[in-house]
Amino acid sequence: MKTYLIALLLVITTTIIHGQALESSAYGGYMFSGKAKFYDGEIDVKNGPVWGLTLGYDTGLGTQIQFLYNNTFTVTETIEYGSNINYHKFDLMIQHFHLGVEKSMAYDQLIRPFGSFGMGLTSYNPQSNEFNNQMRFSIGLGGGIKIFPTDRIGFKAQAKLFMPLLFNGAGIYCGTGGCGGGSSFRIPIIHAELSGGVVFRLEKDE
């Protein structure tokens, strides 16, 4: 986790030197999750409120390198099957730390549709001593619109998908034709977000 944050800080620091504009936002909304299978049971992550922050730097023509932090606090239930059925219910905090790219299709207009892609880490922090924290590599997709009635203050509405990855394994093989490798993963659960917020933009002086 520390290595990831240090790398992220270096990227942001490098980008700010060459960036054309600084853009930050705060937003809130609702997160929709669902059920996922695990070993000999299943977990049910309930829907809940979400809030988040973004910090981005324009590299020109509506392309923005962006850091995103997202936080959801919800109720979760687990059922373990076996000789005895064990049921647990506890509060769960989910956090996403993503670095990605956002592309605006009309970067200098009043209404600016955008799409985004990011990747990073998702943290699952159960508020219970019975379970340990879990960290997963994850990817994110999003889209929405921004409305800028002024040059510096705007509003946005968006939809996002956060997809944690569960890696099943990796391997390297060699044969008469050479060597190769591969890995496989699956997406055990998808977190879908609908949200809106305020955007603050500061253009860089020429």
C-alpha atoms as a PDB file:
ATOM      1  CA  MET A   1       0.000   0.000   0.000  1.00  0.00           C
ATOM      2  CA  LYS A   2       2.815   2.444   0.877  1.00  0.00           C
ATOM      3  CA  THR A   3       4.627   1.686  -2.404  1.00  0.00           C
ATOM      4  CA  TYR A   4       1.453   2.356  -4.383  1.00  0.00           C
ATOM      5  CA  LEU A   5       0.860   5.714  -2.657  1.00  0.00           C
ATOM      6  CA  ILE A   6       4.481   6.814  -3.210  1.00  0.00           C
ATOM      7  CA  ALA A   7       4.236   5.965  -6.928  1.00  0.00           C
ATOM      8  CA  LEU A   8       0.938   7.824  -7.120  1.00  0.00           C
ATOM      9  CA  LEU A   9       2.454  10.915  -5.503  1.00  0.00           C
ATOM     10  CA  LEU A  10       5.327  10.919  -8.000  1.00  0.00           C
ATOM     11  CA  VAL A  11       2.935  10.710 -10.959  1.00  0.00           C
ATOM     12  CA  ILE A  12       0.780  13.556  -9.649  1.00  0.00           C
ATOM     13  CA  THR A  13       3.819  15.724  -8.883  1.00  0.00           C
ATOM     14  CA  THR A  14       5.223  15.191 -12.401  1.00  0.00           C
ATOM     15  CA  THR A  15       1.853  15.902 -13.990  1.00  0.00           C
ATOM     16  CA  ILE A  16       1.247  19.179 -12.154  1.00  0.00           C
ATOM     17  CA  ILE A  17       4.429  20.637 -13.659  1.00  0.00           C
ATOM     18  CA  HIS A  18       3.218  20.041 -17.216  1.00  0.00           C
ATOM     19  CA  GLY A  19      -0.542  20.203 -16.697  1.00  0.00           C
ATOM     20  CA  GLN A  20      -2.778  22.851 -18.285  1.00  0.00           C
ATOM     21  CA  ALA A  21      -5.363  23.019 -15.477  1.00  0.00           C
ATOM     22  CA  LEU A  22      -6.109  21.708 -12.012  1.00  0.00           C
ATOM     23  CA  GLU A  23      -9.539  20.240 -11.362  1.00  0.00           C
ATOM     24  CA  SER A  24     -10.949  18.845  -8.123  1.00  0.00           C
ATOM     25  CA  SER A  25     -14.386  17.633  -7.131  1.00  0.00           C
ATOM     26  CA  ALA A  26     -16.364  16.375  -4.165  1.00  0.00           C
ATOM     27  CA  TYR A  27     -19.424  14.230  -4.724  1.00  0.00           C
ATOM     28  CA  GLY A  28     -21.985  12.018  -3.042  1.00  0.00           C
ATOM     29  CA  GLY A  29     -24.508   9.433  -4.113  1.00  0.00           C
ATOM     30  CA  TYR A  30     -25.511   5.817  -3.749  1.00  0.00           C
ATOM     31  CA  MET A  31     -23.623   2.563  -4.266  1.00  0.00           C
ATOM     32  CA  PHE A  32     -25.283  -0.648  -5.493  1.00  0.00           C
ATOM     33  CA  SER A  33     -23.438  -3.881  -4.787  1.00  0.00           C
ATOM     34  CA  GLY A  34     -24.707  -7.457  -4.506  1.00  0.00           C
ATOM     35  CA  LYS A  35     -23.737 -11.011  -3.642  1.00  0.00           C
ATOM     36  CA  ALA A  36     -20.495 -12.909  -4.207  1.00  0.00           C
ATOM     37  CA  LYS A  37     -19.521 -16.544  -3.693  1.00  0.00           C
ATOM     38  CA  PHE A  38     -16.509 -17.494  -1.582  1.00  0.00           C
ATOM     39  CA  TYR A  39     -15.190 -20.929  -0.676  1.00  0.00           C
ATOM     40  CA  ASP A  40     -18.103 -22.638   1.081  1.00  0.00           C
ATOM     41  CA  GLY A  41     -20.415 -19.659   1.445  1.00  0.00           C
ATOM     42  CA  GLU A  42     -21.534 -16.315   0.103  1.00  0.00           C
ATOM     43  CA  ILE A  43     -21.371 -12.656   1.049  1.00  0.00           C
ATOM     44  CA  ASP A  44     -24.133 -10.106   0.511  1.00  0.00           C
ATOM     45  CA  VAL A  45     -22.973  -6.472   0.403  1.00  0.00           C
ATOM     46  CA  LYS A  46     -25.959  -4.187   0.888  1.00  0.00           C
ATOM     47  CA  ASN A  47     -26.492  -0.953  -0.999  1.00  0.00           C
ATOM     48  CA  GLY A  48     -25.418   2.203   0.783  1.00  0.00           C
ATOM     49  CA  PRO A  49     -24.439   5.872   0.547  1.00  0.00           C
ATOM     50  CA  VAL A  50     -21.154   6.817  -1.075  1.00  0.00           C
ATOM     51  CA  TRP A  51     -18.958   9.900  -1.130  1.00  0.00           C
ATOM     52  CA  GLY A  52     -15.780  10.623  -2.989  1.00  0.00           C
ATOM     53  CA  LEU A  53     -13.060  13.059  -3.988  1.00  0.00           C
ATOM     54  CA  THR A  54     -11.134  13.483  -7.218  1.00  0.00           C
ATOM     55  CA  LEU A  55      -8.007  15.432  -8.124  1.00  0.00           C
ATOM     56  CA  GLY A  56      -7.050  15.787 -11.759  1.00  0.00           C
ATOM     57  CA  TYR A  57      -4.652  17.583 -14.080  1.00  0.00           C
ATOM     58  CA  ASP A  58      -5.449  18.386 -17.681  1.00  0.00           C
ATOM     59  CA  THR A  59      -2.770  17.428 -20.180  1.00  0.00           C
ATOM     60  CA  GLY A  60      -4.578  19.240 -22.987  1.00  0.00           C
ATOM     61  CA  LEU A  61      -7.615  18.840 -25.272  1.00  0.00           C
ATOM     62  CA  GLY A  62      -9.855  17.457 -22.530  1.00  0.00           C
ATOM     63  CA  THR A  63      -7.593  14.601 -21.405  1.00  0.00           C
ATOM     64  CA  GLN A  64      -7.125  14.479 -17.664  1.00  0.00           C
ATOM     65  CA  ILE A  65      -4.968  12.306 -15.412  1.00  0.00           C
ATOM     66  CA  GLN A  66      -6.990  11.795 -12.271  1.00  0.00           C
ATOM     67  CA  PHE A  67      -6.718  10.389  -8.766  1.00  0.00           C
ATOM     68  CA  LEU A  68      -9.943   9.169  -7.151  1.00  0.00           C
ATOM     69  CA  TYR A  69     -10.819   8.305  -3.567  1.00  0.00           C
ATOM     70  CA  ASN A  70     -14.200   6.703  -2.907  1.00  0.00           C
ATOM     71  CA  ASN A  71     -15.774   5.617   0.399  1.00  0.00           C
ATOM     72  CA  THR A  72     -18.850   3.517   1.127  1.00  0.00           C
ATOM     73  CA  PHE A  73     -20.103   2.427   4.546  1.00  0.00           C
ATOM     74  CA  THR A  74     -22.692  -0.320   4.429  1.00  0.00           C
ATOM     75  CA  VAL A  75     -24.094  -3.441   6.099  1.00  0.00           C
ATOM     76  CA  THR A  76     -22.863  -6.858   4.992  1.00  0.00           C
ATOM     77  CA  GLU A  77     -24.101 -10.378   5.641  1.00  0.00           C
ATOM     78  CA  THR A  78     -22.197 -13.644   5.234  1.00  0.00           C
ATOM     79  CA  ILE A  79     -23.388 -17.243   5.257  1.00  0.00           C
ATOM     80  CA  GLU A  80     -20.952 -20.138   5.664  1.00  0.00           C
ATOM     81  CA  TYR A  81     -22.199 -23.595   4.673  1.00  0.00           C
ATOM     82  CA  GLY A  82     -20.853 -26.830   6.132  1.00  0.00           C
ATOM     83  CA  SER A  83     -21.705 -29.135   8.985  1.00  0.00           C
ATOM     84  CA  ASN A  84     -23.142 -26.024  10.667  1.00  0.00           C
ATOM     85  CA  ILE A  85     -24.518 -22.943   8.960  1.00  0.00           C
ATOM     86  CA  ASN A  86     -22.879 -19.797  10.307  1.00  0.00           C
ATOM     87  CA  TYR A  87     -24.480 -16.408   9.754  1.00  0.00           C
ATOM     88  CA  HIS A  88     -22.724 -13.076  10.332  1.00  0.00           C
ATOM     89  CA  LYS A  89     -23.915  -9.506   9.979  1.00  0.00           C
ATOM     90  CA  PHE A  90     -21.555  -6.557  10.339  1.00  0.00           C
ATOM     91  CA  ASP A  91     -20.757  -3.066   9.088  1.00  0.00           C
ATOM     92  CA  LEU A  92     -18.310  -2.807   6.213  1.00  0.00           C
ATOM     93  CA  MET A  93     -16.278   0.136   4.944  1.00  0.00           C
ATOM     94  CA  ILE A  94     -15.239  -0.065   1.284  1.00  0.00           C
ATOM     95  CA  GLN A  95     -12.589   2.311  -0.067  1.00  0.00           C
ATOM     96  CA  HIS A  96     -11.327   2.707  -3.626  1.00  0.00           C
ATOM     97  CA  PHE A  97      -7.952   4.302  -4.458  1.00  0.00           C
ATOM     98  CA  HIS A  98      -7.693   4.716  -8.231  1.00  0.00           C
ATOM     99  CA  LEU A  99      -5.407   6.437 -10.703  1.00  0.00           C
ATOM    100  CA  GLY A 100      -6.791   6.815 -14.202  1.00  0.00           C
ATOM    101  CA  VAL A 101      -7.673   8.908 -17.217  1.00  0.00           C
ATOM    102  CA  GLU A 102     -10.767  11.000 -17.861  1.00  0.00           C
ATOM    103  CA  LYS A 103     -11.617  12.185 -21.380  1.00  0.00           C
ATOM    104  CA  SER A 104     -14.009  15.039 -22.050  1.00  0.00           C
ATOM    105  CA  MET A 105     -15.767  15.073 -25.436  1.00  0.00           C
ATOM    106  CA  ALA A 106     -16.435  18.850 -25.316  1.00  0.00           C
ATOM    107  CA  TYR A 107     -13.798  20.208 -22.979  1.00  0.00           C
ATOM    108  CA  ASP A 108     -14.457  23.923 -23.659  1.00  0.00           C
ATOM    109  CA  GLN A 109     -18.275  23.905 -23.791  1.00  0.00           C
ATOM    110  CA  LEU A 110     -20.995  24.591 -21.228  1.00  0.00           C
ATOM    111  CA  ILE A 111     -22.020  20.904 -21.148  1.00  0.00           C
ATOM    112  CA  ARG A 112     -19.130  18.440 -21.236  1.00  0.00           C
ATOM    113  CA  PRO A 113     -19.823  14.680 -21.520  1.00  0.00           C
ATOM    114  CA  PHE A 114     -16.952  12.550 -20.252  1.00  0.00           C
ATOM    115  CA  GLY A 115     -15.779   8.978 -19.876  1.00  0.00           C
ATOM    116  CA  SER A 116     -13.195   7.591 -17.481  1.00  0.00           C
ATOM    117  CA  PHE A 117     -11.048   4.547 -16.813  1.00  0.00           C
ATOM    118  CA  GLY A 118      -8.987   3.850 -13.713  1.00  0.00           C
ATOM    119  CA  MET A 119      -7.193   1.157 -11.797  1.00  0.00           C
ATOM    120  CA  GLY A 120      -5.793   0.787  -8.319  1.00  0.00           C
ATOM    121  CA  LEU A 121      -6.740  -0.769  -4.996  1.00  0.00           C
ATOM    122  CA  THR A 122      -9.993  -1.549  -3.239  1.00  0.00           C
ATOM    123  CA  SER A 123      -9.954  -1.977   0.543  1.00  0.00           C
ATOM    124  CA  TYR A 124     -12.592  -3.954   2.456  1.00  0.00           C
ATOM    125  CA  ASN A 125     -12.523  -3.069   6.148  1.00  0.00           C
ATOM    126  CA  PRO A 126     -15.034  -5.059   8.255  1.00  0.00           C
ATOM    127  CA  GLN A 127     -16.039  -3.289  11.454  1.00  0.00           C
ATOM    128  CA  SER A 128     -15.820  -6.603  13.321  1.00  0.00           C
ATOM    129  CA  ASN A 129     -13.028  -8.494  15.062  1.00  0.00           C
ATOM    130  CA  GLU A 130     -14.175 -11.743  13.441  1.00  0.00           C
ATOM    131  CA  PHE A 131     -12.906 -10.765   9.987  1.00  0.00           C
ATOM    132  CA  ASN A 132      -9.650  -9.383   8.620  1.00  0.00           C
ATOM    133  CA  ASN A 133      -9.207  -6.473   6.238  1.00  0.00           C
ATOM    134  CA  GLN A 134      -8.845  -7.389   2.580  1.00  0.00           C
ATOM    135  CA  MET A 135      -7.095  -5.481  -0.215  1.00  0.00           C
ATOM    136  CA  ARG A 136      -7.813  -6.193  -3.889  1.00  0.00           C
ATOM    137  CA  PHE A 137      -6.520  -4.839  -7.180  1.00  0.00           C
ATOM    138  CA  SER A 138      -9.446  -3.275  -9.039  1.00  0.00           C
ATOM    139  CA  ILE A 139     -10.430  -1.428 -12.186  1.00  0.00           C
ATOM    140  CA  GLY A 140     -13.074   1.220 -12.724  1.00  0.00           C
ATOM    141  CA  LEU A 141     -15.182   2.564 -15.583  1.00  0.00           C
ATOM    142  CA  GLY A 142     -17.325   5.667 -15.578  1.00  0.00           C
ATOM    143  CA  GLY A 143     -19.184   8.245 -17.573  1.00  0.00           C
ATOM    144  CA  GLY A 144     -21.343  11.311 -17.126  1.00  0.00           C
ATOM    145  CA  ILE A 145     -21.664  15.007 -17.816  1.00  0.00           C
ATOM    146  CA  LYS A 146     -20.185  18.178 -16.356  1.00  0.00           C
ATOM    147  CA  ILE A 147     -21.897  21.555 -16.564  1.00  0.00           C
ATOM    148  CA  PHE A 148     -19.766  24.684 -16.176  1.00  0.00           C
ATOM    149  CA  PRO A 149     -21.903  27.850 -15.812  1.00  0.00           C
ATOM    150  CA  THR A 150     -18.663  29.656 -14.870  1.00  0.00           C
ATOM    151  CA  ASP A 151     -15.027  29.041 -15.770  1.00  0.00           C
ATOM    152  CA  ARG A 152     -14.095  27.844 -12.292  1.00  0.00           C
ATOM    153  CA  ILE A 153     -17.159  26.196 -10.750  1.00  0.00           C
ATOM    154  CA  GLY A 154     -19.242  23.431 -12.272  1.00  0.00           C
ATOM    155  CA  PHE A 155     -21.459  20.489 -11.462  1.00  0.00           C
ATOM    156  CA  LYS A 156     -21.368  16.862 -12.513  1.00  0.00           C
ATOM    157  CA  ALA A 157     -23.595  13.796 -12.629  1.00  0.00           C
ATOM    158  CA  GLN A 158     -22.010  10.401 -13.204  1.00  0.00           C
ATOM    159  CA  ALA A 159     -22.283   6.629 -13.147  1.00  0.00           C
ATOM    160  CA  LYS A 160     -19.332   4.421 -12.187  1.00  0.00           C
ATOM    161  CA  LEU A 161     -18.478   0.736 -11.963  1.00  0.00           C
ATOM    162  CA  PHE A 162     -15.796  -0.575  -9.590  1.00  0.00           C
ATOM    163  CA  MET A 163     -14.653  -4.136 -10.260  1.00  0.00           C
ATOM    164  CA  PRO A 164     -12.265  -5.847  -7.814  1.00  0.00           C
ATOM    165  CA  LEU A 165     -10.229  -8.669  -9.354  1.00  0.00           C
ATOM    166  CA  LEU A 166      -9.643 -12.043  -7.752  1.00  0.00           C
ATOM    167  CA  PHE A 167      -6.613 -13.705  -9.350  1.00  0.00           C
ATOM    168  CA  ASN A 168      -6.899 -17.477  -9.731  1.00  0.00           C
ATOM    169  CA  GLY A 169      -3.271 -18.110 -10.587  1.00  0.00           C
ATOM    170  CA  ALA A 170      -0.361 -17.488 -12.910  1.00  0.00           C
ATOM    171  CA  GLY A 171       2.191 -19.665 -14.642  1.00  0.00           C
ATOM    172  CA  ILE A 172       5.063 -19.882 -17.071  1.00  0.00           C
ATOM    173  CA  TYR A 173       5.444 -22.665 -19.609  1.00  0.00           C
ATOM    174  CA  CYS A 174       8.132 -23.562 -22.143  1.00  0.00           C
ATOM    175  CA  GLY A 175       8.105 -25.750 -25.214  1.00  0.00           C
ATOM    176  CA  THR A 176       9.955 -26.331 -28.450  1.00  0.00           C
ATOM    177  CA  GLY A 177       8.617 -23.075 -29.840  1.00  0.00           C
ATOM    178  CA  GLY A 178       9.714 -20.959 -26.900  1.00  0.00           C
ATOM    179  CA  CYS A 179       8.312 -19.839 -23.565  1.00  0.00           C
ATOM    180  CA  GLY A 180       5.192 -18.015 -22.549  1.00  0.00           C
ATOM    181  CA  GLY A 181       3.064 -17.204 -19.562  1.00  0.00           C
ATOM    182  CA  GLY A 182      -0.372 -16.239 -18.476  1.00  0.00           C
ATOM    183  CA  SER A 183      -2.677 -15.537 -15.592  1.00  0.00           C
ATOM    184  CA  SER A 184      -6.400 -15.729 -14.939  1.00  0.00           C
ATOM    185  CA  PHE A 185      -8.732 -13.732 -12.761  1.00  0.00           C
ATOM    186  CA  ARG A 186     -12.414 -13.199 -12.141  1.00  0.00           C
ATOM    187  CA  ILE A 187     -14.631 -10.380 -10.906  1.00  0.00           C
ATOM    188  CA  PRO A 188     -16.444 -11.680  -7.820  1.00  0.00           C
ATOM    189  CA  ILE A 189     -18.616  -8.573  -7.340  1.00  0.00           C
ATOM    190  CA  ILE A 190     -19.373  -5.260  -9.059  1.00  0.00           C
ATOM    191  CA  HIS A 191     -20.000  -2.009  -7.196  1.00  0.00           C
ATOM    192  CA  ALA A 192     -22.168   0.379  -9.253  1.00  0.00           C
ATOM    193  CA  GLU A 193     -22.388   4.039  -8.292  1.00  0.00           C
ATOM    194  CA  LEU A 194     -24.761   6.875  -9.181  1.00  0.00           C
ATOM    195  CA  SER A 195     -23.603  10.231  -7.864  1.00  0.00           C
ATOM    196  CA  GLY A 196     -23.291  13.941  -8.392  1.00  0.00           C
ATOM    197  CA  GLY A 197     -21.235  16.800  -7.029  1.00  0.00           C
ATOM    198  CA  VAL A 198     -19.412  20.088  -7.398  1.00  0.00           C
ATOM    199  CA  VAL A 199     -16.331  20.647  -9.574  1.00  0.00           C
ATOM    200  CA  PHE A 200     -13.682  23.307  -8.994  1.00  0.00           C
ATOM    201  CA  ARG A 201     -11.368  24.193 -11.873  1.00  0.00           C
ATOM    202  CA  LEU A 202      -8.282  26.400 -11.969  1.00  0.00           C
ATOM    203  CA  GLU A 203      -6.750  27.149 -15.347  1.00  0.00           C
ATOM    204  CA  LYS A 204      -2.967  27.429 -15.558  1.00  0.00           C
ATOM    205  CA  ASP A 205      -1.637  30.809 -16.647  1.00  0.00           C
ATOM    206  CA  GLU A 206       0.170  30.805 -19.949  1.00  0.00           C
END
